[in-house]
Protein backbone atom coordinates (compact mmCIF):
# COMPACT_ATOMS: atom_id res chain seq x y z
CA MET A 1 48.40 19.32 72.92
CA LYS A 2 50.04 18.98 76.32
CA ILE A 3 48.39 21.01 79.10
CA GLN A 4 50.84 22.52 81.58
CA ASN A 5 49.97 22.55 85.27
CA LYS A 6 52.99 24.50 86.53
CA ASP A 7 53.08 28.10 87.70
CA LEU A 8 53.27 30.48 84.76
CA ARG A 9 56.51 31.96 86.08
CA LEU A 10 58.15 28.52 86.02
CA ILE A 11 56.90 27.79 82.51
CA TYR A 12 58.20 31.14 81.31
CA ASP A 13 61.59 30.52 82.98
CA ASP A 14 61.84 27.11 81.30
CA VAL A 15 61.02 28.60 77.88
CA ARG A 16 63.51 31.46 78.30
CA ASN A 17 66.25 29.09 79.46
CA GLU A 18 65.64 26.72 76.54
CA ILE A 19 65.80 29.58 74.02
CA GLU A 20 69.08 30.77 75.54
CA THR A 21 70.50 27.24 75.56
CA LYS A 22 69.61 26.65 71.91
CA LEU A 23 71.21 29.93 70.87
CA LYS A 24 74.38 29.39 72.92
CA ASN A 25 74.82 25.79 71.73
CA SER A 26 74.15 26.34 68.03
CA GLU A 27 77.19 25.71 65.86
CA ASN A 28 75.88 28.28 63.36
CA LEU A 29 76.02 30.92 66.12
CA SER A 30 79.45 30.07 67.53
CA TYR A 31 80.70 33.52 66.45
CA VAL A 32 78.21 35.30 68.77
CA LYS A 33 79.88 36.88 71.80
CA SER A 34 76.88 37.14 74.11
CA VAL A 35 73.20 36.37 74.53
CA ILE A 36 71.28 38.94 76.61
CA TYR A 37 67.75 38.68 77.98
CA GLY A 38 65.60 41.68 78.81
CA GLN A 39 64.80 45.15 77.66
CA ARG A 40 67.36 47.36 79.38
CA LYS A 41 70.90 47.46 78.07
CA LYS A 42 73.03 50.31 76.81
CA ILE A 43 73.47 49.41 73.18
CA GLY A 44 76.68 51.41 72.96
CA SER A 45 78.31 48.95 75.38
CA LEU A 46 77.35 45.79 73.47
CA MET A 47 80.10 43.35 72.57
CA THR A 48 79.06 42.27 69.09
CA PRO A 49 77.89 40.17 67.52
CA THR A 50 75.31 39.71 70.22
CA ILE A 51 71.76 38.39 70.48
CA TRP A 52 69.22 40.24 72.53
CA ILE A 53 66.12 38.30 73.59
CA VAL A 54 63.25 40.74 74.11
CA PRO A 55 59.95 39.47 75.55
CA ASN A 56 56.70 40.99 74.30
CA ALA A 57 53.26 41.56 75.75
CA TYR A 58 50.50 39.10 74.89
CA ASN A 59 46.91 38.31 75.79
CA PRO A 60 46.11 34.84 77.15
CA GLN A 61 43.14 33.28 75.39
CA HIS A 62 40.83 31.44 77.77
CA THR A 63 39.57 28.38 75.95
CA GLY A 64 37.14 26.89 78.46
CA GLY A 65 37.57 23.89 80.67
CA HIS A 66 39.74 25.96 83.00
CA SER A 67 42.55 26.27 80.47
CA ALA A 68 44.16 29.06 78.52
CA ASP A 69 46.41 29.34 75.48
CA HIS A 70 49.48 31.47 76.05
CA ASP A 71 51.03 32.56 72.76
CA ILE A 72 54.18 34.20 74.12
CA PRO A 73 56.14 36.27 71.58
CA PHE A 74 59.89 36.77 71.77
CA ASP A 75 61.90 39.12 69.57
CA LEU A 76 65.42 37.88 68.95
CA VAL A 77 67.54 40.80 67.83
CA GLY A 78 70.99 40.36 66.35
CA PHE A 79 73.42 43.26 66.73
CA VAL A 80 76.67 43.73 64.84
CA LYS A 81 79.18 46.55 64.49
CA HIS A 82 80.79 47.42 61.20
CA THR A 83 82.40 50.51 59.71
CA ASP A 84 80.85 49.87 56.29
CA PRO A 85 77.07 50.45 56.47
CA GLU A 86 76.24 48.11 53.61
CA GLN A 87 78.26 45.26 55.09
CA GLY A 88 76.90 46.01 58.58
CA LEU A 89 73.34 45.65 57.32
CA LYS A 90 74.17 42.38 55.55
CA ASP A 91 75.93 41.00 58.64
CA ALA A 92 73.00 41.93 60.89
CA GLN A 93 70.52 40.22 58.58
CA ASP A 94 72.76 37.15 58.30
CA LEU A 95 72.86 36.94 62.10
CA ALA A 96 69.06 37.16 62.33
CA LEU A 97 68.68 34.39 59.76
CA ASP A 98 71.19 32.23 61.65
CA ILE A 99 69.08 32.79 64.79
CA TYR A 100 66.00 31.73 62.81
CA ASP A 101 67.66 28.50 61.64
CA ALA A 102 68.97 27.68 65.12
CA LEU A 103 65.52 27.96 66.67
CA VAL A 104 63.29 26.52 63.94
CA SER A 105 65.08 23.17 64.13
CA ASP A 106 63.02 22.19 67.22
CA ARG A 107 59.51 23.62 67.09
CA THR A 108 58.60 22.16 70.51
CA LEU A 109 61.52 23.71 72.43
CA ASN A 110 62.55 20.31 73.69
CA GLY A 111 58.95 19.41 74.58
CA LEU A 112 58.10 22.63 76.48
CA ALA A 113 55.74 24.07 73.86
CA SER A 114 53.08 22.72 71.58
CA ASP A 115 54.60 24.97 68.92
CA PHE A 116 57.45 27.47 68.78
CA ARG A 117 56.80 29.12 65.46
CA PRO A 118 58.47 31.95 63.57
CA THR A 119 56.06 34.85 63.13
CA ARG A 120 58.17 37.72 61.78
CA VAL A 121 61.49 38.49 60.12
CA ASP A 122 62.65 42.12 60.15
CA PRO A 123 65.21 43.48 57.72
CA ALA A 124 68.36 45.14 59.00
CA TYR A 125 68.53 48.70 60.33
CA GLU A 126 71.18 51.04 61.65
CA ALA A 127 70.72 51.88 65.33
CA GLN A 128 69.90 55.55 65.86
CA GLY A 129 72.59 57.48 67.69
CA ALA A 130 74.99 54.55 67.66
CA ASN A 131 77.43 54.81 64.79
CA ASN A 132 78.37 51.57 63.13
CA LEU A 133 75.80 49.48 65.04
CA PHE A 134 73.31 47.48 62.99
CA PHE A 135 70.49 45.13 63.93
CA SER A 136 67.99 42.74 62.46
CA ALA A 137 65.38 40.63 64.21
CA VAL A 138 63.21 37.55 64.05
CA GLN A 139 60.17 36.91 66.18
CA PHE A 140 59.05 33.54 67.46
CA THR A 141 55.84 32.81 69.33
CA CYS A 142 55.76 30.05 71.92
CA LYS A 143 52.36 28.34 72.22
CA ILE A 144 51.64 26.94 75.69
CA LYS A 145 48.33 25.53 76.91
CA ARG A 146 47.95 25.86 80.68
CA ARG A 147 45.41 24.61 83.19
CA GLU A 148 43.99 27.58 85.08
CA GLN A 149 41.45 27.76 87.89
């Protein structure tokens, strides 16, 4: 397992950028209108289909020898709009599964991680208070080992 020596902020930026690049360059996701990173966005203003990358909290595991494992989780949420609820749910789940396939094809994130593994697949839901907006998600966890003082 490769041990990173860079600042955590730089590692995190590299991981985020690689996830975004993989999603934007995937032929299976060419129908997606935008990829958004972060937690604050008015869902009523989304141009769909869209992918929302949501970072999650995690606890670094100190492993001795001045190193730590960082298992960084990312939720990748696919949003679609549809006037038919049944079709909207199916489309949202299809988008989430396309996201899954786009990211699982390179489990090292182009050499940035020792493993970038899928850890959860959520079924589709209708967004509360937003008529005709549906979402489904997959979660991936990025495993990084980092030298720490």
